[in-house]
Structure formats: C-alpha cells, structure tokens
Amino acid sequence: MPSISGLFIAFAGFGPAILAAPAARHDPSLKLMPTAPRTFARASADVVSSHVLELTRTRMSGPNVLRHDKFLEKGDSSNGTVGLAELRPFKDILYYTNITFGTETLQAVVDTGSSDTWLVENGFRCATVQGRIPIPEETCHFGPLYSTSPTFKQIPGENFNILYADGETLSGIVGTEDVTLAGITVKDQEIALVDYAAWNGDNFTSGVIGLAFPSITSSFDGSDPLKDTPADELEYSPLFTSMYKQGKVAPVFSLAIARGEGSGGLLALGGLPPVQHDPYFASTPILPSVRRPGNTNAAQSELQYYTVTLEGVNYQDTFEKVNLRADVDSGTSLIFLPSRLASKINQLFDPPARYDLYSGEYQVNCDAKPPTFGVFVGGHTFPINPEDLVVKTQNNGGCITGITNGGLNHPAVLGDVFLRNVLAVFDVGAGQMRFSGREFY
C-alpha cells in the first residue's frame, strides 16, 4: 500500500498534532490570496430546483468514532504527499443519500470536501487500520457492496489511491459507469471502485459522493498503487462537474442540513431545496489554493475546496475580526477555529468546557449553557443555534462542544455545526458561495 512506498505522510494520535498539512496549501502567507476565482457563468438564480435529494442522518458505529472528518490534500510535491486526506478527530454523524451505478442503487456520503465518487465492490479485501492485517470484510463496516454491472468499463492502466491521516486507506480500480444522482444520469462517468480498504465504516454507506473541484481527484497513472508518485496524478471531471459541463444542470448546488434525529436535510442540484430560510443571501468568493503539481517547482493557483474568507466571529457581546481561510465542508462535523480563539469561546460555556488532549475536543457537561455565538462571513453574521453547540457523542454518552481547536496550520473549517444553521449555495459557475440564515426551524 502507499504507506510502504514512503510517498505519504501519516499522523499519529487524534489531537491537534494530526492537523499539520502540506505547506503548499496552508502556507500562512497564502491565507487571503488576491487571485480572483475562475468564473464561467453569472451567479445562478436562487430558485427551487427540481433535482432534490433527501439526506439521511446516521451515527458512526465502527470501533472508533473519533476519526473520520477530513479534508483532502492532493499532490504536494514539496513534502512528497500524494492523495493525503487529513482527518479531523470527531465525526459521529454522517449525511448520506442514494446514488445509482448502472442499475444498482446504494447509499453514499455527501462530501463537499472531496471530489471522487466511489463505491466499495463485492469481494474487496478488508484490513486493519493499524498493521494492515487482513480481516473479514464485515469488519470494515461498509453497507451493501456494489456488484459490477455490464455498463461498467474499467480504464486500463489507471488506479484509485488515497491514504487518510489516521492510517485508513482505500485503493482500487478506475472506470466509467452510468451514474444517476437526483434524477440526473451521466453516461460513462469516471468513478472508482474500491477493492482494498483499511476502514472503519458506519454499516450503512457504501461509498462517497465528492462534490469538490477536479484538481483534487485521486486517480493515478499505472495499475499498481504501490508505485504511485505525485507525477502520476490524473485529473478528471467529477460527477457534478460532468453534469453541468454536459448542460444537464446549472453549475450550482445547495445544502440544507437538518438538526435532530429526523430527516438529515436536503441536497439540491441546479438550484435550491424547498426549505424555509431568510430572504437575504450573503455572498463571498470561493478562494483558490496554491499547489505544486507533480515533480515541478512551479506553483499554480486553482480551485480545490469551497474555501471562503471567515471575516470574524461574534461571541457574547464581542466581535473578533479574524480574516481566515475557512473550508465549508459537509464531511466535517464541527467548527474549527484557531487554538487561542477556540479556547476563549469554550471557556464561556457554563460550566466551562475542558480540552481533552487525546481526542482533540472540548468536553462539556451535556446540560451546560453555551455562549451566544455567530459566524461572520460575506459581511453578515450567522448566529449558531445553542442546540448545535453541545454535541452528544456516541462512544461514551458524553458531550463535546461544537467549536474545537483547529491547530496552527489550518485553523478554520465550517462544518456541519455551521451548515445546520444556513442554507448553503455552492455556485461553482460564479465562483462564489451564498448563505442564508435558517438557525430556527
């Protein structure tokens, strides 16, 4: 596997130490790049879409629930990483929906922080995360496995390969398949089928639907993942990119994630879901990132993630200006802020939250009173409902806060705690994000 080749970086533990990231993306000098986003369309109209999917909320049920929030780091030759996905320490909750490969419909996690769409296939090999020891496939805790259909065509000499920072890894084959999502079918869409996994799943989902940009896809030239290098990266059009390039949908999608144990919310392609929200939308550009592709020293600017400027935060009666890059990521459960700021806000819980070095979270009494807190982005403050600031965990029945320590190198992520309080519009064509408040529903 890739870890044997020495081309990947792995991190030990679950605390802030794992939040180190490739310098090409997280160089502090690149926090607010002046480069304008690449736009190819006017801002899409904020109208209700006919392509809407219901999301299902589920809790992790593997042997270790403190392990699966992530944002991908792709092909940084400055430190020799390939397909690295950095894990956030807490992901107790997933949001998934139906996707059809050929004629088979399975469930996959909706992830705005990655780009590949993949399913695990029948007959895959499961291994322990630590030591890569072969174990029965049910131990990886996937949902139903995909059976290759007659319409799937493997692409010769190409492989899928990604290593996660806690040691989880996936590899497999790449091919084309007819893929249907929200009633939209893309013929011969490039996808990945996982045939090797060191993974702790949720017993429901069989893969991931990646909605980020083509620059961070995880396909490589060659059939042996052990031999992958940064120079072998093969960029392709992810599923949503193919949809709008083929004129099947406007280049915009939106998320309305719900709180509580009922519906998980809605995903709309080409417009908005039918949910109540404030009439005002705040808009902010999607910021490009810098990477050094392959084995070259030439840096290039490109859109990778849904990165925006977090202008400030409000807590109690205080406004603090921060001007940080922040990823809007449905695959991250919490809000991550710089260490100093996260500590200050967590001290305002009554009683105060306590930082746990092992888990990297702020533990708090489940009946604690949270401070008032809001996120300032696009010139507008979005209050966070107090219900989202105390999060019950599955592993021990305790609670943590919804705001945690982002470390030094990538201090800001706006995860599901934020997304449950807004209607988030990902306008790829206009290179901008728009948010409308919906903290009470």
Protein backbone atom coordinates (compact mmCIF):
# COMPACT_ATOMS: atom_id res chain seq x y z
CA MET A 1 0.00 0.00 0.00
CA PRO A 2 1.05 3.66 -0.36
CA SER A 3 2.46 3.86 3.15
CA ILE A 4 5.03 1.26 2.18
CA SER A 5 6.22 3.32 -0.74
CA GLY A 6 7.11 6.24 1.51
CA LEU A 7 5.17 8.71 -0.63
CA PHE A 8 2.60 9.55 2.01
CA ILE A 9 2.64 11.23 5.37
CA ALA A 10 0.75 9.59 8.24
CA PHE A 11 -0.04 11.23 11.55
CA ALA A 12 -0.28 9.56 14.94
CA GLY A 13 -2.96 10.22 17.50
CA PHE A 14 -6.22 12.11 17.25
CA GLY A 15 -5.42 15.51 18.73
CA PRO A 16 -4.19 18.71 17.11
CA ALA A 17 -0.96 17.07 16.02
CA ILE A 18 -2.78 15.47 13.11
CA LEU A 19 -3.86 18.85 11.82
CA ALA A 20 -0.50 19.58 10.21
CA ALA A 21 -0.92 19.95 6.47
CA PRO A 22 1.11 20.32 3.27
CA ALA A 23 2.82 23.68 3.12
CA ALA A 24 1.76 24.37 -0.45
CA ARG A 25 -1.81 24.78 0.69
CA HIS A 26 -1.50 26.10 4.21
CA ASP A 27 1.43 28.49 3.95
CA PRO A 28 0.33 31.38 6.24
CA SER A 29 1.34 33.85 3.51
CA LEU A 30 -1.43 32.39 1.36
CA LYS A 31 -4.25 32.97 3.85
CA LEU A 32 -6.11 35.51 1.72
CA MET A 33 -4.93 35.24 -1.84
CA PRO A 34 -5.85 38.22 -4.04
CA THR A 35 -6.39 35.98 -7.06
CA ALA A 36 -9.98 36.17 -8.29
CA PRO A 37 -11.92 32.89 -8.57
CA ARG A 38 -12.27 31.39 -12.02
CA THR A 39 -15.82 32.14 -13.11
CA PHE A 40 -17.54 30.94 -16.26
CA ALA A 41 -21.14 31.91 -15.59
CA ARG A 42 -23.19 34.59 -13.95
CA ALA A 43 -24.50 33.89 -10.48
CA SER A 44 -27.25 31.30 -10.74
CA ALA A 45 -30.76 32.38 -9.83
CA ASP A 46 -31.83 31.39 -6.34
CA VAL A 47 -34.79 29.28 -7.44
CA VAL A 48 -36.06 25.94 -6.21
CA SER A 49 -34.59 23.01 -8.16
CA SER A 50 -36.46 20.00 -9.50
CA HIS A 51 -33.44 17.82 -8.67
CA VAL A 52 -33.64 17.43 -4.90
CA LEU A 53 -32.41 14.53 -2.77
CA GLU A 54 -33.32 13.77 0.81
CA LEU A 55 -30.36 13.25 3.11
CA THR A 56 -30.31 10.64 5.85
CA ARG A 57 -28.52 11.28 9.11
CA THR A 58 -26.70 8.39 10.75
CA ARG A 59 -24.18 7.93 13.52
CA MET A 60 -20.88 6.14 13.20
CA SER A 61 -20.97 2.61 14.58
CA GLY A 62 -17.46 1.28 14.00
CA PRO A 63 -14.98 0.51 16.77
CA ASN A 64 -13.67 4.08 16.80
CA VAL A 65 -15.97 7.00 16.15
CA LEU A 66 -13.37 9.69 16.79
CA ARG A 67 -11.73 9.53 13.48
CA HIS A 68 -13.32 10.39 10.24
CA ASP A 69 -13.64 14.11 9.50
CA LYS A 70 -11.40 15.11 6.71
CA PHE A 71 -10.28 17.45 4.04
CA LEU A 72 -8.17 16.13 1.20
CA GLU A 73 -4.64 17.23 0.43
CA LYS A 74 -3.71 16.44 -3.11
CA GLY A 75 -0.33 16.07 -4.78
CA ASP A 76 2.00 18.41 -2.91
CA SER A 77 5.46 17.55 -4.16
CA SER A 78 7.12 19.90 -1.68
CA ASN A 79 6.76 17.26 1.02
CA GLY A 80 6.10 14.15 -1.05
CA THR A 81 2.44 13.65 -0.25
CA VAL A 82 0.04 12.03 -2.68
CA GLY A 83 -3.69 11.80 -2.18
CA LEU A 84 -3.38 12.60 1.51
CA ALA A 85 -6.64 13.13 3.37
CA GLU A 86 -6.27 14.81 6.72
CA LEU A 87 -8.70 13.57 9.33
CA ARG A 88 -10.45 15.68 11.87
CA PRO A 89 -10.73 13.92 15.20
CA PHE A 90 -14.52 13.83 15.52
CA LYS A 91 -17.13 12.59 13.12
CA ASP A 92 -20.01 11.00 14.92
CA ILE A 93 -22.63 11.99 12.33
CA LEU A 94 -22.86 11.34 8.59
CA TYR A 95 -25.26 12.59 5.94
CA TYR A 96 -25.85 10.27 3.04
CA THR A 97 -28.17 9.80 0.09
CA ASN A 98 -28.96 7.39 -2.73
CA ILE A 99 -26.80 7.08 -5.83
CA THR A 100 -27.22 4.65 -8.72
CA PHE A 101 -24.31 2.99 -10.53
CA GLY A 102 -25.71 1.27 -13.61
CA THR A 103 -28.94 -0.18 -12.26
CA GLU A 104 -27.83 -0.67 -8.65
CA THR A 105 -28.77 1.94 -6.04
CA LEU A 106 -26.68 2.25 -2.89
CA GLN A 107 -26.07 4.86 -0.21
CA ALA A 108 -23.07 7.19 -0.20
CA VAL A 109 -21.88 10.04 2.00
CA VAL A 110 -22.34 13.55 0.58
CA ASP A 111 -18.97 15.30 0.92
CA THR A 112 -18.17 18.83 -0.22
CA GLY A 113 -14.57 18.36 0.96
CA SER A 114 -13.53 15.75 -1.63
CA SER A 115 -14.03 15.20 -5.36
CA ASP A 116 -14.09 11.47 -6.10
CA THR A 117 -17.25 9.40 -6.29
CA TRP A 118 -16.54 5.82 -5.28
CA LEU A 119 -18.21 2.64 -4.07
CA VAL A 120 -16.73 -0.44 -2.45
CA GLU A 121 -17.14 -3.50 -4.63
CA ASN A 122 -18.05 -7.10 -3.94
CA GLY A 123 -15.05 -9.20 -2.99
CA PHE A 124 -12.96 -6.32 -1.67
CA ARG A 125 -10.20 -7.04 0.81
CA CYS A 126 -10.53 -5.56 4.30
CA ALA A 127 -7.55 -4.89 6.57
CA THR A 128 -6.94 -3.39 9.98
CA VAL A 129 -6.04 0.28 10.01
CA GLN A 130 -3.08 -0.47 12.24
CA GLY A 131 -0.73 -3.02 10.72
CA ARG A 132 -2.77 -3.73 7.56
CA ILE A 133 -3.63 -7.21 8.82
CA PRO A 134 -6.24 -8.99 6.65
CA ILE A 135 -9.60 -9.31 8.44
CA PRO A 136 -13.14 -10.32 7.41
CA GLU A 137 -14.79 -7.76 5.13
CA GLU A 138 -17.65 -7.09 7.56
CA THR A 139 -15.11 -5.64 9.98
CA CYS A 140 -14.71 -2.60 7.70
CA HIS A 141 -18.38 -1.78 8.44
CA PHE A 142 -19.46 -0.84 4.93
CA GLY A 143 -23.07 -1.03 3.85
CA PRO A 144 -24.13 -3.23 0.88
CA LEU A 145 -21.37 -3.93 -1.62
CA TYR A 146 -21.51 -2.95 -5.28
CA SER A 147 -21.70 -5.66 -7.93
CA THR A 148 -20.11 -4.55 -11.18
CA SER A 149 -22.73 -4.01 -13.87
CA PRO A 150 -22.44 -4.70 -17.63
CA THR A 151 -22.19 -0.94 -18.26
CA PHE A 152 -19.03 -0.55 -16.16
CA LYS A 153 -15.84 -0.30 -18.22
CA GLN A 154 -12.51 -0.40 -16.43
CA ILE A 155 -9.90 2.11 -17.60
CA PRO A 156 -6.68 0.15 -18.22
CA GLY A 157 -3.53 1.37 -16.54
CA GLU A 158 -5.24 3.66 -14.03
CA ASN A 159 -5.81 3.27 -10.28
CA PHE A 160 -7.60 4.96 -7.39
CA ASN A 161 -5.48 5.51 -4.30
CA ILE A 162 -5.92 7.55 -1.15
CA LEU A 163 -4.44 7.37 2.33
CA TYR A 164 -6.09 9.04 5.31
CA ALA A 165 -4.07 10.67 8.05
CA ASP A 166 -5.15 8.27 10.80
CA GLY A 167 -3.93 5.35 8.68
CA GLU A 168 -7.19 4.48 6.90
CA THR A 169 -6.59 3.82 3.25
CA LEU A 170 -8.51 2.93 0.09
CA SER A 171 -7.35 1.77 -3.31
CA GLY A 172 -8.97 0.20 -6.31
CA ILE A 173 -9.71 0.45 -9.99
CA VAL A 174 -10.99 3.35 -12.06
CA GLY A 175 -13.55 3.07 -14.81
CA THR A 176 -16.65 4.54 -16.39
CA GLU A 177 -20.22 3.82 -15.43
CA ASP A 178 -23.68 5.29 -15.99
CA VAL A 179 -24.30 7.20 -12.76
CA THR A 180 -27.61 8.69 -11.64
CA LEU A 181 -27.97 11.24 -8.85
CA ALA A 182 -31.13 13.26 -8.12
CA GLY A 183 -32.72 12.02 -11.34
CA ILE A 184 -29.78 13.17 -13.50
CA THR A 185 -27.89 10.45 -15.38
CA VAL A 186 -24.34 10.91 -16.65
CA LYS A 187 -23.29 8.30 -19.17
CA ASP A 188 -19.77 6.91 -18.88
CA GLN A 189 -18.89 8.92 -15.78
CA GLU A 190 -15.42 8.24 -14.40
CA ILE A 191 -15.71 6.68 -10.94
CA ALA A 192 -13.66 4.47 -8.62
CA LEU A 193 -14.38 1.01 -7.25
CA VAL A 194 -12.58 0.17 -4.02
CA ASP A 195 -11.07 -3.32 -3.88
CA TYR A 196 -8.84 -2.78 -0.83
CA ALA A 197 -9.86 -0.92 2.32
CA ALA A 198 -8.42 -0.38 5.77
CA TRP A 199 -11.54 1.36 7.01
CA ASN A 200 -13.99 1.88 9.87
CA GLY A 201 -17.39 2.49 8.30
CA ASP A 202 -20.92 3.13 9.56
CA ASN A 203 -22.69 -0.10 8.45
CA PHE A 204 -24.94 1.86 6.06
CA THR A 205 -22.91 3.70 3.45
CA SER A 206 -21.05 2.05 0.58
CA GLY A 207 -19.03 5.00 -0.67
CA VAL A 208 -18.70 8.76 -1.07
CA ILE A 209 -20.13 11.38 -3.43
CA GLY A 210 -17.40 14.01 -3.75
CA LEU A 211 -18.64 17.48 -4.78
CA ALA A 212 -15.40 19.49 -4.74
CA PHE A 213 -13.27 20.54 -7.72
CA PRO A 214 -11.45 18.38 -10.34
CA SER A 215 -7.99 19.43 -9.11
CA ILE A 216 -8.17 17.10 -6.09
CA THR A 217 -9.36 13.89 -7.73
CA SER A 218 -7.41 10.79 -6.68
CA SER A 219 -6.72 8.88 -9.88
CA PHE A 220 -3.19 7.84 -10.85
CA ASP A 221 -1.43 6.57 -13.93
CA GLY A 222 -0.46 2.92 -13.58
CA SER A 223 -2.16 -0.17 -12.22
CA ASP A 224 -0.11 -0.60 -9.02
CA PRO A 225 -0.94 1.79 -6.15
CA LEU A 226 2.40 0.93 -4.54
CA LYS A 227 4.17 2.74 -7.36
CA ASP A 228 2.09 5.95 -7.41
CA THR A 229 4.01 9.24 -7.30
CA PRO A 230 2.88 12.89 -7.44
CA ALA A 231 3.83 12.98 -11.11
CA ASP A 232 1.31 10.19 -11.80
CA GLU A 233 -1.79 12.21 -10.89
CA LEU A 234 -4.57 12.11 -13.48
CA GLU A 235 -7.18 14.84 -13.13
CA TYR A 236 -10.68 14.08 -14.39
CA SER A 237 -14.18 15.59 -14.25
CA PRO A 238 -16.02 14.57 -11.07
CA LEU A 239 -19.71 13.71 -11.20
CA PHE A 240 -21.19 17.17 -10.60
CA THR A 241 -18.65 18.77 -12.95
CA SER A 242 -19.73 16.37 -15.69
CA MET A 243 -23.37 17.25 -15.06
CA TYR A 244 -23.01 20.96 -15.64
CA LYS A 245 -20.44 20.63 -18.43
CA GLN A 246 -22.93 18.46 -20.32
CA GLY A 247 -25.67 21.02 -19.76
CA LYS A 248 -27.76 18.70 -17.59
CA VAL A 249 -27.94 21.15 -14.70
CA ALA A 250 -26.92 24.71 -13.82
CA PRO A 251 -23.43 24.90 -12.23
CA VAL A 252 -24.74 25.30 -8.69
CA PHE A 253 -25.85 23.03 -5.86
CA SER A 254 -27.08 23.74 -2.36
CA LEU A 255 -27.31 22.05 1.03
CA ALA A 256 -29.83 22.43 3.81
CA ILE A 257 -28.63 20.11 6.57
CA ALA A 258 -31.12 19.48 9.36
CA ARG A 259 -30.58 19.03 13.07
CA GLY A 260 -32.25 16.45 15.25
CA GLU A 261 -32.83 12.75 14.81
CA GLY A 262 -35.33 13.02 11.96
CA SER A 263 -34.57 13.93 8.35
CA GLY A 264 -30.95 14.72 7.57
CA GLY A 265 -31.90 17.58 5.26
CA LEU A 266 -31.85 18.16 1.52
CA LEU A 267 -29.31 18.35 -1.32
CA ALA A 268 -30.41 20.24 -4.44
CA LEU A 269 -28.58 20.18 -7.78
CA GLY A 270 -29.04 23.18 -10.09
CA GLY A 271 -30.79 25.38 -7.54
CA LEU A 272 -32.25 25.48 -4.04
CA PRO A 273 -34.13 22.91 -1.96
CA PRO A 274 -37.68 23.73 -0.84
CA VAL A 275 -36.88 24.88 2.70
CA GLN A 276 -37.68 27.99 4.70
CA HIS A 277 -34.82 30.46 5.01
CA ASP A 278 -34.14 34.15 5.46
CA PRO A 279 -34.78 36.20 2.29
CA TYR A 280 -31.29 37.74 2.39
CA PHE A 281 -28.27 35.92 0.91
CA ALA A 282 -24.72 36.89 1.83
CA SER A 283 -22.20 36.13 -0.92
CA THR A 284 -18.45 35.57 -0.73
CA PRO A 285 -15.87 34.40 -3.32
CA ILE A 286 -14.53 30.86 -3.37
CA LEU A 287 -10.79 31.25 -2.77
CA PRO A 288 -8.22 29.40 -4.89
CA SER A 289 -5.36 27.49 -3.32
CA VAL A 290 -1.75 27.02 -4.38
CA ARG A 291 -0.17 23.69 -5.16
CA ARG A 292 2.98 22.48 -6.84
CA PRO A 293 1.85 19.69 -9.15
CA GLY A 294 3.89 16.63 -9.97
CA ASN A 295 7.62 16.95 -9.51
CA THR A 296 7.84 20.56 -10.68
CA ASN A 297 8.66 23.63 -8.61
CA ALA A 298 6.14 25.79 -10.45
CA ALA A 299 3.30 26.80 -8.14
CA GLN A 300 -0.15 27.21 -9.62
CA SER A 301 -3.37 28.66 -8.31
CA GLU A 302 -6.50 26.55 -8.60
CA LEU A 303 -9.86 25.93 -7.03
CA GLN A 304 -9.75 22.85 -4.82
CA TYR A 305 -12.20 23.21 -1.95
CA TYR A 306 -15.06 25.51 -1.05
CA THR A 307 -12.75 27.86 0.79
CA VAL A 308 -14.10 31.26 1.85
CA THR A 309 -12.94 34.16 3.98
CA LEU A 310 -14.09 33.85 7.57
CA GLU A 311 -14.11 37.55 8.42
CA GLY A 312 -14.85 37.25 12.12
CA VAL A 313 -16.84 35.66 14.91
CA ASN A 314 -19.31 37.02 17.45
CA TYR A 315 -19.41 35.60 20.95
CA GLN A 316 -21.37 37.01 23.89
CA ASP A 317 -21.10 40.78 23.31
CA THR A 318 -17.75 40.60 21.49
CA PHE A 319 -16.89 40.76 17.80
CA GLU A 320 -13.43 39.48 16.87
CA LYS A 321 -12.02 40.05 13.42
CA VAL A 322 -10.03 37.04 12.17
CA ASN A 323 -9.81 37.12 8.31
CA LEU A 324 -9.01 33.43 7.89
CA ARG A 325 -9.39 30.96 5.07
CA ALA A 326 -12.13 28.52 6.03
CA ASP A 327 -13.29 25.37 4.23
CA VAL A 328 -17.05 24.83 4.05
CA ASP A 329 -17.15 21.06 4.43
CA SER A 330 -20.17 18.80 4.89
CA GLY A 331 -17.73 15.98 5.74
CA THR A 332 -16.61 17.76 8.93
CA SER A 333 -18.89 17.70 11.94
CA LEU A 334 -17.64 20.66 13.98
CA ILE A 335 -16.46 24.26 13.59
CA PHE A 336 -12.65 24.51 13.79
CA LEU A 337 -11.09 27.78 14.90
CA PRO A 338 -7.53 28.81 15.85
CA SER A 339 -6.39 27.42 19.18
CA ARG A 340 -6.47 30.69 21.09
CA LEU A 341 -9.93 31.66 19.84
CA ALA A 342 -11.41 28.18 20.34
CA SER A 343 -10.10 28.16 23.92
CA LYS A 344 -11.53 31.59 24.66
CA ILE A 345 -15.02 30.68 23.41
CA ASN A 346 -15.07 27.31 25.14
CA GLN A 347 -14.28 28.99 28.45
CA LEU A 348 -17.58 30.87 28.08
CA PHE A 349 -19.68 27.71 28.42
CA ASP A 350 -21.33 27.45 31.83
CA PRO A 351 -19.67 25.44 33.31
CA PRO A 352 -16.56 25.91 31.10
CA ALA A 353 -15.58 23.23 28.60
CA ARG A 354 -12.40 21.21 29.22
CA TYR A 355 -9.91 20.48 26.46
CA ASP A 356 -9.02 16.79 26.06
CA LEU A 357 -5.53 16.31 24.61
CA TYR A 358 -6.20 12.74 23.48
CA SER A 359 -9.36 13.36 21.46
CA GLY A 360 -8.61 16.96 20.49
CA GLU A 361 -12.12 18.05 21.54
CA TYR A 362 -13.56 20.27 24.21
CA GLN A 363 -15.57 18.11 26.60
CA VAL A 364 -18.52 19.76 28.31
CA ASN A 365 -21.43 18.88 30.57
CA CYS A 366 -24.40 17.84 28.47
CA ASP A 367 -26.60 20.36 30.31
CA ALA A 368 -24.06 23.21 30.02
CA LYS A 369 -25.28 26.61 28.83
CA PRO A 370 -23.39 27.67 25.68
CA PRO A 371 -22.44 31.28 24.96
CA THR A 372 -24.10 33.20 22.16
CA PHE A 373 -22.00 32.58 19.04
CA GLY A 374 -22.13 33.62 15.40
CA VAL A 375 -20.04 33.31 12.25
CA PHE A 376 -19.35 36.49 10.25
CA VAL A 377 -18.94 35.76 6.54
CA GLY A 378 -19.90 37.71 3.44
CA GLY A 379 -20.46 40.81 5.57
CA HIS A 380 -23.19 39.12 7.60
CA THR A 381 -23.37 37.37 10.97
CA PHE A 382 -24.98 33.93 11.03
CA PRO A 383 -25.99 33.00 14.59
CA ILE A 384 -25.48 29.38 15.62
CA ASN A 385 -28.38 27.76 17.43
CA PRO A 386 -27.39 26.80 21.02
CA GLU A 387 -28.63 23.25 20.30
CA ASP A 388 -25.72 22.80 17.87
CA LEU A 389 -23.06 23.98 20.31
CA VAL A 390 -23.39 20.98 22.65
CA VAL A 391 -22.88 17.72 20.75
CA LYS A 392 -23.68 14.34 22.28
CA THR A 393 -21.11 11.70 21.38
CA GLN A 394 -21.82 8.05 20.73
CA ASN A 395 -18.71 6.47 22.17
CA ASN A 396 -19.23 7.29 25.86
CA GLY A 397 -22.55 9.09 26.11
CA GLY A 398 -20.80 12.34 27.00
CA CYS A 399 -20.85 15.68 25.22
CA ILE A 400 -18.40 17.91 23.44
CA THR A 401 -18.78 21.47 22.18
CA GLY A 402 -19.46 22.33 18.55
CA ILE A 403 -16.38 24.57 18.43
CA THR A 404 -12.95 22.99 18.64
CA ASN A 405 -9.24 23.50 18.17
CA GLY A 406 -8.12 23.83 14.56
CA GLY A 407 -4.43 23.95 15.39
CA LEU A 408 -1.95 26.23 13.68
CA ASN A 409 -1.69 25.21 10.02
CA HIS A 410 -5.34 25.00 9.07
CA PRO A 411 -7.26 26.70 11.85
CA ALA A 412 -10.70 27.24 10.28
CA VAL A 413 -13.31 24.78 8.98
CA LEU A 414 -17.03 25.48 8.83
CA GLY A 415 -18.50 22.02 9.25
CA ASP A 416 -21.98 20.71 9.96
CA VAL A 417 -22.44 22.76 13.14
CA PHE A 418 -22.39 25.81 10.85
CA LEU A 419 -24.22 24.19 7.94
CA ARG A 420 -27.19 23.23 10.12
CA ASN A 421 -27.81 26.97 10.60
CA VAL A 422 -27.74 28.14 6.97
CA LEU A 423 -28.89 27.33 3.50
CA ALA A 424 -25.53 26.99 1.73
CA VAL A 425 -25.35 27.64 -2.01
CA PHE A 426 -22.23 26.38 -3.81
CA ASP A 427 -22.25 28.45 -7.02
CA VAL A 428 -19.42 26.86 -8.97
CA GLY A 429 -20.09 28.81 -12.16
CA ALA A 430 -19.90 32.21 -10.47
CA GLY A 431 -17.03 31.16 -8.18
CA GLN A 432 -18.93 32.17 -5.07
CA MET A 433 -20.78 30.83 -2.07
CA ARG A 434 -24.02 32.26 -0.76
CA PHE A 435 -25.53 31.74 2.66
CA SER A 436 -28.99 32.43 4.01
CA GLY A 437 -29.81 32.03 7.69
CA ARG A 438 -32.07 29.27 8.95
CA GLU A 439 -30.96 28.70 12.53
CA PHE A 440 -34.52 28.19 13.79
CA TYR A 441 -36.72 25.56 12.09
